Protein backbone atom coordinates (compact mmCIF):
# COMPACT_ATOMS: atom_id res chain seq x y z
CA UNK A 1 0.00 0.00 0.00
CA UNK A 2 1.27 3.47 -0.85
CA UNK A 3 0.43 7.00 0.18
CA UNK A 4 -1.56 7.42 -3.04
CA UNK A 5 -4.10 4.91 -1.74
CA UNK A 6 -4.75 6.66 1.56
CA UNK A 7 -8.22 7.79 0.53
CA UNK A 8 -9.16 4.65 -1.35
CA UNK A 9 -11.55 2.48 0.68
CA UNK A 10 -11.31 -1.29 0.78
CA UNK A 11 -13.64 -3.07 -1.69
CA UNK A 12 -16.07 -4.20 0.95
CA UNK A 13 -15.48 -1.44 3.47
CA UNK A 14 -14.44 -1.99 7.05
CA UNK A 15 -16.51 -4.37 9.09
CA UNK A 16 -19.30 -2.57 10.84
CA UNK A 17 -18.43 0.72 9.20
CA UNK A 18 -21.21 2.92 7.90
CA UNK A 19 -21.33 3.28 4.12
CA UNK A 20 -19.84 6.50 2.85
CA UNK A 21 -22.39 9.05 1.66
CA UNK A 22 -22.83 9.22 -2.08
CA UNK A 23 -21.32 12.25 -3.73
CA UNK A 24 -23.49 14.08 -6.18
CA UNK A 25 -21.53 15.23 -9.20
CA UNK A 26 -22.82 18.32 -10.94
CA UNK A 27 -22.82 17.67 -14.67
CA UNK A 28 -21.60 20.26 -17.15
CA UNK A 29 -25.00 20.23 -18.86
CA UNK A 30 -26.70 21.18 -15.58
CA UNK A 31 -24.23 24.03 -15.05
CA UNK A 32 -24.84 25.35 -18.57
CA UNK A 33 -28.62 25.16 -18.06
CA UNK A 34 -28.34 27.10 -14.80
CA UNK A 35 -26.18 29.75 -16.49
CA UNK A 36 -28.74 30.07 -19.30
CA UNK A 37 -31.59 30.43 -16.81
CA UNK A 38 -29.65 33.11 -14.95
CA UNK A 39 -28.99 35.07 -18.14
CA UNK A 40 -32.64 34.93 -19.16
CA UNK A 41 -33.68 36.05 -15.66
CA UNK A 42 -31.28 39.00 -15.72
CA UNK A 43 -32.41 40.01 -19.21
CA UNK A 44 -36.06 39.84 -18.15
CA UNK A 45 -35.50 41.94 -15.03
CA UNK A 46 -33.52 44.46 -17.07
CA UNK A 47 -36.35 44.73 -19.60
CA UNK A 48 -39.03 45.08 -16.89
CA UNK A 49 -37.25 47.63 -14.73
CA UNK A 50 -35.27 49.53 -17.36
CA UNK A 51 -32.10 49.21 -15.25
CA UNK A 52 -29.83 48.69 -18.26
CA UNK A 53 -26.67 48.69 -16.18
CA UNK A 54 -27.26 45.27 -14.62
CA UNK A 55 -26.14 43.50 -17.82
CA UNK A 56 -23.95 46.21 -19.31
CA UNK A 57 -20.34 45.62 -20.27
CA UNK A 58 -19.25 48.10 -17.59
CA UNK A 59 -21.13 46.26 -14.84
CA UNK A 60 -19.84 42.89 -16.09
CA UNK A 61 -16.26 44.13 -16.13
CA UNK A 62 -16.69 45.63 -12.66
CA UNK A 63 -18.25 42.37 -11.38
CA UNK A 64 -15.31 40.37 -12.72
CA UNK A 65 -12.91 42.83 -11.14
CA UNK A 66 -14.75 42.58 -7.81
CA UNK A 67 -14.89 38.77 -7.99
CA UNK A 68 -11.17 38.19 -8.66
CA UNK A 69 -9.78 39.18 -5.21
CA UNK A 70 -12.66 37.34 -3.51
CA UNK A 71 -11.98 34.28 -5.65
CA UNK A 72 -8.25 34.37 -4.96
CA UNK A 73 -8.95 34.64 -1.22
CA UNK A 74 -11.35 31.70 -1.48
CA UNK A 75 -8.80 29.67 -3.44
CA UNK A 76 -6.19 30.49 -0.83
CA UNK A 77 -8.52 29.24 1.90
CA UNK A 78 -9.15 26.07 -0.11
CA UNK A 79 -5.45 25.16 -0.21
CA UNK A 80 -5.06 25.69 3.53
CA UNK A 81 -8.25 23.99 4.68
CA UNK A 82 -7.78 21.00 2.39
CA UNK A 83 -4.56 20.50 4.35
CA UNK A 84 -6.54 20.69 7.60
CA UNK A 85 -5.61 24.23 8.71
CA UNK A 86 -8.33 26.86 9.12
CA UNK A 87 -7.04 30.14 7.69
CA UNK A 88 -8.90 33.07 9.22
CA UNK A 89 -5.74 35.07 8.54
CA UNK A 90 -6.51 35.42 4.82
CA UNK A 91 -7.41 39.07 5.37
CA UNK A 92 -3.98 39.74 6.85
CA UNK A 93 -2.19 37.86 4.08
CA UNK A 94 -4.11 39.93 1.52
CA UNK A 95 -3.03 43.08 3.37
CA UNK A 96 0.59 41.94 3.04
CA UNK A 97 -0.08 41.37 -0.66
CA UNK A 98 -1.45 44.87 -1.21
CA UNK A 99 1.58 46.52 0.39
CA UNK A 100 4.33 44.27 -0.98
CA UNK A 101 2.76 44.28 -4.45
CA UNK A 102 2.66 48.08 -4.55
CA UNK A 103 6.19 48.35 -3.15
CA UNK A 104 7.60 45.89 -5.67
CA UNK A 105 5.74 47.47 -8.59
CA UNK A 106 6.79 50.99 -7.58
CA UNK A 107 10.47 50.05 -7.48
CA UNK A 108 10.83 47.42 -10.21
CA UNK A 109 7.65 47.22 -12.31
CA UNK A 110 4.36 45.34 -12.15
CA UNK A 111 5.75 41.87 -12.95
CA UNK A 112 8.15 42.01 -10.01
CA UNK A 113 5.34 43.47 -7.92
CA UNK A 114 3.24 40.34 -8.44
CA UNK A 115 6.12 38.10 -7.36
CA UNK A 116 6.89 40.23 -4.31
CA UNK A 117 3.19 40.25 -3.35
CA UNK A 118 3.12 36.44 -3.44
CA UNK A 119 6.27 36.33 -1.30
CA UNK A 120 4.73 38.74 1.21
CA UNK A 121 1.55 36.67 1.44
CA UNK A 122 3.57 33.44 1.66
CA UNK A 123 5.50 34.86 4.63
CA UNK A 124 2.17 35.46 6.36
CA UNK A 125 1.18 31.88 5.53
CA UNK A 126 4.51 30.60 6.86
CA UNK A 127 3.94 32.43 10.13
CA UNK A 128 0.43 30.93 10.39
CA UNK A 129 1.80 27.44 9.68
CA UNK A 130 4.57 27.88 12.24
CA UNK A 131 2.04 28.88 14.90
CA UNK A 132 -0.64 26.29 14.15
CA UNK A 133 1.24 23.27 12.80
CA UNK A 134 4.49 23.42 14.76
CA UNK A 135 3.41 25.05 18.03
CA UNK A 136 -0.25 23.97 18.07
CA UNK A 137 -1.73 27.46 18.50
CA UNK A 138 -5.50 27.64 17.97
CA UNK A 139 -6.12 28.28 14.27
CA UNK A 140 -8.62 31.09 14.84
CA UNK A 141 -6.38 32.89 17.34
CA UNK A 142 -3.39 32.68 15.02
CA UNK A 143 -5.39 33.93 12.01
CA UNK A 144 -6.80 36.92 13.87
CA UNK A 145 -3.33 37.74 15.23
CA UNK A 146 -1.83 37.70 11.73
CA UNK A 147 -4.50 40.11 10.46
CA UNK A 148 -3.81 42.51 13.35
CA UNK A 149 -0.06 42.12 12.79
CA UNK A 150 -0.42 42.87 9.06
CA UNK A 151 -2.16 46.18 9.78
CA UNK A 152 0.67 47.32 12.05
CA UNK A 153 3.53 46.00 9.93
CA UNK A 154 2.30 47.58 6.68
CA UNK A 155 1.81 50.97 8.34
CA UNK A 156 5.31 50.80 9.80
CA UNK A 157 6.81 49.81 6.44
CA UNK A 158 4.90 52.63 4.74
CA UNK A 159 6.38 55.11 7.20
CA UNK A 160 9.86 53.87 6.23
CA UNK A 161 9.30 53.84 2.46
CA UNK A 162 6.23 55.53 0.98
CA UNK A 163 6.15 58.44 3.44
CA UNK A 164 9.39 59.73 1.92
CA UNK A 165 8.10 59.62 -1.66
CA UNK A 166 6.03 62.22 -3.50
CA UNK A 167 2.34 61.27 -3.32
CA UNK A 168 2.97 58.71 -0.58
CA UNK A 169 2.33 58.61 3.14
CA UNK A 170 2.05 56.34 6.16
CA UNK A 171 -1.24 54.95 4.86
CA UNK A 172 -0.78 55.02 1.08
CA UNK A 173 1.78 54.64 -1.69
CA UNK A 174 2.54 56.79 -4.72
CA UNK A 175 0.99 55.66 -8.01
CA UNK A 176 2.28 52.27 -9.18
CA UNK A 177 2.37 50.78 -12.70
CA UNK A 178 -0.57 48.54 -13.58
CA UNK A 179 -0.31 45.09 -15.19
CA UNK A 180 -0.87 44.75 -18.92
CA UNK A 181 -4.46 44.74 -20.21
CA UNK A 182 -5.77 43.31 -23.47
CA UNK A 183 -8.88 42.39 -25.44
CA UNK A 184 -9.89 39.50 -27.67
CA UNK A 185 -9.64 40.88 -31.22
CA UNK A 186 -12.94 41.80 -32.86
CA UNK A 187 -15.13 41.40 -29.76
CA UNK A 188 -15.45 45.12 -29.04
CA UNK A 189 -16.39 45.93 -32.64
CA UNK A 190 -18.90 43.05 -32.86
CA UNK A 191 -20.73 43.68 -29.57
CA UNK A 192 -20.70 47.45 -28.99
CA UNK A 193 -23.56 48.22 -31.39
CA UNK A 194 -25.70 45.32 -30.20
CA UNK A 195 -25.32 46.34 -26.56
CA UNK A 196 -26.63 49.85 -27.29
CA UNK A 197 -29.85 48.54 -28.85
CA UNK A 198 -31.15 47.20 -25.51
CA UNK A 199 -32.81 44.23 -27.19
CA UNK A 200 -34.02 41.55 -24.81
CA UNK A 201 -31.37 38.85 -24.27
CA UNK A 202 -29.37 39.73 -27.41
CA UNK A 203 -28.09 43.04 -26.05
CA UNK A 204 -27.65 41.49 -22.62
CA UNK A 205 -25.46 38.72 -24.02
CA UNK A 206 -23.49 41.26 -26.06
CA UNK A 207 -22.85 43.39 -22.97
CA UNK A 208 -21.75 40.43 -20.86
CA UNK A 209 -19.44 39.04 -23.57
CA UNK A 210 -17.95 42.48 -24.14
CA UNK A 211 -17.34 42.97 -20.43
CA UNK A 212 -15.65 39.57 -20.05
CA UNK A 213 -13.40 39.68 -23.12
CA UNK A 214 -12.29 43.32 -23.49
CA UNK A 215 -9.85 45.39 -21.44
CA UNK A 216 -8.95 42.38 -19.27
CA UNK A 217 -5.92 42.50 -16.98
CA UNK A 218 -3.29 39.78 -17.26
CA UNK A 219 -3.72 39.22 -13.53
CA UNK A 220 -7.40 38.43 -14.11
CA UNK A 221 -6.34 35.80 -16.66
CA UNK A 222 -3.88 34.33 -14.15
CA UNK A 223 -6.57 34.26 -11.44
CA UNK A 224 -9.05 32.47 -13.70
CA UNK A 225 -6.39 29.98 -14.78
CA UNK A 226 -5.58 29.19 -11.13
CA UNK A 227 -9.04 27.66 -10.63
CA UNK A 228 -8.66 24.67 -13.03
CA UNK A 229 -4.95 24.46 -12.18
CA UNK A 230 -5.77 24.09 -8.46
CA UNK A 231 -8.38 21.46 -9.26
CA UNK A 232 -5.87 19.50 -11.36
CA UNK A 233 -3.12 19.67 -8.72
CA UNK A 234 -5.35 18.83 -5.74
CA UNK A 235 -7.57 16.18 -7.37
CA UNK A 236 -5.49 14.69 -10.18
CA UNK A 237 -1.95 14.39 -8.81
CA UNK A 238 -0.28 12.30 -6.10
CA UNK A 239 0.87 15.50 -4.40
CA UNK A 240 -2.72 16.75 -4.21
CA UNK A 241 -3.95 13.42 -2.87
CA UNK A 242 -1.38 13.48 -0.09
CA UNK A 243 -2.20 17.09 0.77
CA UNK A 244 -5.93 16.37 0.93
CA UNK A 245 -5.29 13.22 2.96
CA UNK A 246 -3.68 15.21 5.79
CA UNK A 247 -6.85 17.31 5.91
CA UNK A 248 -9.12 14.26 6.01
CA UNK A 249 -7.25 11.82 8.23
CA UNK A 250 -3.70 12.83 9.19
CA UNK A 251 -3.21 9.70 11.32
CA UNK A 252 -4.03 7.46 8.35
CA UNK A 253 -1.77 9.54 6.09
CA UNK A 254 1.04 9.29 8.64
CA UNK A 255 0.68 5.51 8.81
CA UNK A 256 1.24 5.39 5.05
CA UNK A 257 4.44 7.42 5.18
CA UNK A 258 3.12 10.90 4.40
CA UNK A 259 4.98 13.70 6.16
CA UNK A 260 1.89 15.37 7.62
CA UNK A 261 3.67 18.46 8.97
CA UNK A 262 5.40 19.12 5.66
CA UNK A 263 2.20 18.86 3.61
CA UNK A 264 0.37 21.14 6.02
CA UNK A 265 3.16 23.66 5.52
CA UNK A 266 2.81 23.27 1.75
CA UNK A 267 -0.92 24.00 1.92
CA UNK A 268 -0.71 27.01 4.24
CA UNK A 269 2.25 28.66 2.50
CA UNK A 270 0.59 28.20 -0.91
CA UNK A 271 -2.55 29.67 0.65
CA UNK A 272 -0.62 32.76 1.73
CA UNK A 273 0.96 33.20 -1.69
CA UNK A 274 -2.41 33.07 -3.47
CA UNK A 275 -3.93 35.48 -0.92
CA UNK A 276 -0.99 37.82 -1.54
CA UNK A 277 -1.77 37.71 -5.25
CA UNK A 278 -5.34 38.72 -4.41
CA UNK A 279 -4.00 41.66 -2.43
CA UNK A 280 -1.80 42.69 -5.35
CA UNK A 281 -4.90 42.75 -7.55
CA UNK A 282 -6.45 45.36 -5.26
CA UNK A 283 -3.44 47.69 -5.23
CA UNK A 284 -2.30 47.18 -8.83
CA UNK A 285 -5.42 46.44 -10.93
CA UNK A 286 -8.50 47.62 -9.04
CA UNK A 287 -6.46 50.74 -8.26
CA UNK A 288 -2.99 51.95 -9.14
CA UNK A 289 -2.10 52.76 -5.55
CA UNK A 290 -1.82 51.05 -2.18
CA UNK A 291 -4.14 52.38 0.52
CA UNK A 292 -4.60 51.25 4.10
CA UNK A 293 -7.82 49.26 4.53
CA UNK A 294 -7.91 48.36 0.85
CA UNK A 295 -8.95 44.75 1.44
CA UNK A 296 -12.17 45.87 3.22
CA UNK A 297 -13.07 42.39 4.49
CA UNK A 298 -12.58 40.58 1.17
CA UNK A 299 -10.51 37.91 2.90
CA UNK A 300 -13.52 36.97 5.02
CA UNK A 301 -15.89 37.14 2.03
CA UNK A 302 -13.44 34.86 0.20
CA UNK A 303 -13.78 32.37 3.05
CA UNK A 304 -17.55 32.59 2.66
CA UNK A 305 -17.19 31.92 -1.08
CA UNK A 306 -15.05 28.86 -0.31
CA UNK A 307 -17.65 27.55 2.14
CA UNK A 308 -20.44 28.25 -0.36
CA UNK A 309 -18.45 26.29 -2.95
CA UNK A 310 -18.21 23.34 -0.54
CA UNK A 311 -14.39 23.44 -0.51
CA UNK A 312 -14.23 22.90 -4.30
CA UNK A 313 -12.56 25.24 -6.86
CA UNK A 314 -15.51 25.45 -9.25
CA UNK A 315 -18.00 26.15 -6.50
CA UNK A 316 -15.93 28.89 -4.92
CA UNK A 317 -15.46 30.53 -8.33
CA UNK A 318 -19.24 30.66 -8.74
CA UNK A 319 -19.59 31.99 -5.20
CA UNK A 320 -17.03 34.71 -5.91
CA UNK A 321 -19.00 35.91 -8.92
CA UNK A 322 -22.19 35.79 -6.89
CA UNK A 323 -20.68 37.92 -4.13
CA UNK A 324 -18.72 40.18 -6.50
CA UNK A 325 -21.69 41.13 -8.68
CA UNK A 326 -23.67 43.14 -6.07
CA UNK A 327 -20.39 44.61 -4.83
CA UNK A 328 -19.69 45.88 -8.35
CA UNK A 329 -23.17 47.36 -8.69
CA UNK A 330 -22.93 49.26 -5.41
CA UNK A 331 -19.43 50.55 -6.26
CA UNK A 332 -20.83 51.94 -9.51
CA UNK A 333 -23.38 53.90 -7.46
CA UNK A 334 -26.15 51.65 -8.71
CA UNK A 335 -29.07 52.34 -6.37
CA UNK A 336 -31.39 51.78 -9.35
CA UNK A 337 -29.57 48.58 -10.32
CA UNK A 338 -29.68 47.23 -6.76
CA UNK A 339 -33.41 48.04 -6.69
CA UNK A 340 -33.87 46.01 -9.89
CA UNK A 341 -31.75 43.21 -8.47
CA UNK A 342 -34.08 43.12 -5.48
CA UNK A 343 -36.84 41.89 -7.81
CA UNK A 344 -34.66 39.07 -9.12
CA UNK A 345 -33.46 38.00 -5.66
CA UNK A 346 -37.02 38.04 -4.29
CA UNK A 347 -38.26 35.81 -7.11
CA UNK A 348 -35.29 33.49 -6.61
CA UNK A 349 -35.94 33.23 -2.87
CA UNK A 350 -39.60 32.44 -3.42
CA UNK A 351 -38.62 29.71 -5.88
CA UNK A 352 -36.06 28.28 -3.45
CA UNK A 353 -38.58 28.44 -0.62
CA UNK A 354 -41.23 26.60 -2.63
CA UNK A 355 -38.70 23.92 -3.60
CA UNK A 356 -37.57 23.47 0.01
CA UNK A 357 -41.17 23.16 1.20
CA UNK A 358 -41.78 20.56 -1.52
CA UNK A 359 -38.82 18.62 -0.11
CA UNK A 360 -40.35 19.00 3.39
CA UNK A 361 -37.62 21.27 4.69
CA UNK A 362 -40.12 23.52 6.37
CA UNK A 363 -37.83 25.85 8.30
CA UNK A 364 -35.53 26.75 5.38
CA UNK A 365 -38.48 26.92 2.97
CA UNK A 366 -40.54 29.18 5.22
CA UNK A 367 -37.63 31.54 5.87
CA UNK A 368 -36.80 31.79 2.15
CA UNK A 369 -40.44 32.41 1.25
CA UNK A 370 -40.79 35.03 3.96
CA UNK A 371 -37.68 36.95 2.87
CA UNK A 372 -38.79 36.70 -0.77
CA UNK A 373 -42.23 38.12 -0.04
CA UNK A 374 -40.71 40.94 2.00
CA UNK A 375 -38.39 41.67 -0.92
CA UNK A 376 -41.33 41.93 -3.33
CA UNK A 377 -43.13 44.30 -0.96
CA UNK A 378 -39.99 46.46 -0.64
CA UNK A 379 -39.55 46.53 -4.42
CA UNK A 380 -43.06 47.68 -5.24
CA UNK A 381 -43.21 50.08 -2.30
CA UNK A 382 -40.15 52.10 -3.37
CA UNK A 383 -38.39 53.42 -6.45
CA UNK A 384 -34.87 53.20 -5.05
CA UNK A 385 -33.22 51.43 -2.14
CA UNK A 386 -31.53 53.50 0.60
CA UNK A 387 -27.81 54.17 0.19
CA UNK A 388 -26.82 52.28 3.39
CA UNK A 389 -28.66 49.20 2.08
CA UNK A 390 -26.80 49.50 -1.24
CA UNK A 391 -23.48 49.56 0.61
CA UNK A 392 -24.48 46.56 2.74
CA UNK A 393 -25.75 44.51 -0.22
CA UNK A 394 -22.56 42.42 -0.79
CA UNK A 395 -22.47 41.36 2.88
CA UNK A 396 -26.21 40.67 2.95
CA UNK A 397 -25.83 38.50 -0.16
CA UNK A 398 -23.07 36.56 1.58
CA UNK A 399 -25.24 35.91 4.65
CA UNK A 400 -28.36 34.88 2.71
CA UNK A 401 -26.52 32.56 0.30
CA UNK A 402 -24.59 30.83 3.09
CA UNK A 403 -27.77 30.39 5.13
CA UNK A 404 -29.51 28.68 2.22
CA UNK A 405 -26.50 26.55 1.22
CA UNK A 406 -25.42 25.52 4.71
CA UNK A 407 -27.18 22.15 4.72
CA UNK A 408 -25.10 20.71 1.86
CA UNK A 409 -21.67 21.60 3.23
CA UNK A 410 -19.01 19.00 3.87
CA UNK A 411 -15.66 20.41 5.10
CA UNK A 412 -12.51 18.26 5.26
CA UNK A 413 -12.93 15.87 8.19
CA UNK A 414 -9.81 17.03 10.08
CA UNK A 415 -10.12 20.73 9.23
CA UNK A 416 -9.05 22.72 12.28
CA UNK A 417 -8.29 19.63 14.36
CA UNK A 418 -4.92 19.82 16.20
CA UNK A 419 -2.45 17.14 15.10
CA UNK A 420 0.57 15.66 16.84
CA UNK A 421 2.76 13.00 15.26
CA UNK A 422 1.99 9.59 16.68
CA UNK A 423 -1.21 10.82 18.30
């Protein structure tokens, strides 16, 4: 028996053991059908309300830009928690990424800035691994401490570096060079006219395609590519199997010769590097300057996206887009768009509630129906939503989605469980 077989059950299962729950695989056809239904729903709401921005190329581009740092934070959490280490410190590692990315880009260019940001985040991950894996510190305590430490360290470093530069200060950097941007040839020319016509579904598709394939940062391309790459490494290689095994059953992995401590370090340091890349996106792509507080809780929202995605790369990518879309609308000052989105969310909640009641899940179904009905009442009783509600929309979306998805979650079995060799 080898380490590669650590997660492979015996043909008949252990005597007296309960059968493992069946895993439901989501087929590609189902995903495509859901995407099509979502597009039709958005197009219909846009046509009914006249809120043309909800499917515009600008809103789509902004949604993608808002989703990338959330997705990178979620992907970072995936690597750590698949190795059995809870990483609440993602926010702090992203803060390291924002500062180190801006510092590297300011001194040596954007390409070096990306590398330096990953190194800065990886150092935060290394510190978290040292505390939790080697010294057995509580994972939550260590993560919170790293976030607090990142705030102090970056301000101190800014006082030593950026404060002496023109346009800089103790809480911001001078302007930094942005990564290269590009467009798929011909897309802008082919879709611009169609988007302006505001035809049902056709113009909506044109706006979405234009937003996704024009003026795209190279860092966005890298972030998107990291999703299938992470899936391949973690689920299709021996290295990934060993890393996931230490998050499921470290004692079993140890008995098969896997160096549990080393693979936990691999997962947490890789987590920090990816989180640092997410921080670099904020200071180099979303803006061309580092500012204190730039992450604004995206590390925690990334964790929520990972949980929503059930600790799988594809699911967390979908969750990132779901959380990034309302964030993009509110950043564009879209009180009208958020008001239109309220109609779509209310209809969705009523549909979910009816489905849950049909499956005899009365509590979840009743809550979803109640919130959906309240949303309909709020939509028809007002022309715009209040500004504070617009600003709170991304966080409210996170709470509602997690509440509805919580019953299907299955974290790694040993996630957050202290481990000692030979224990």
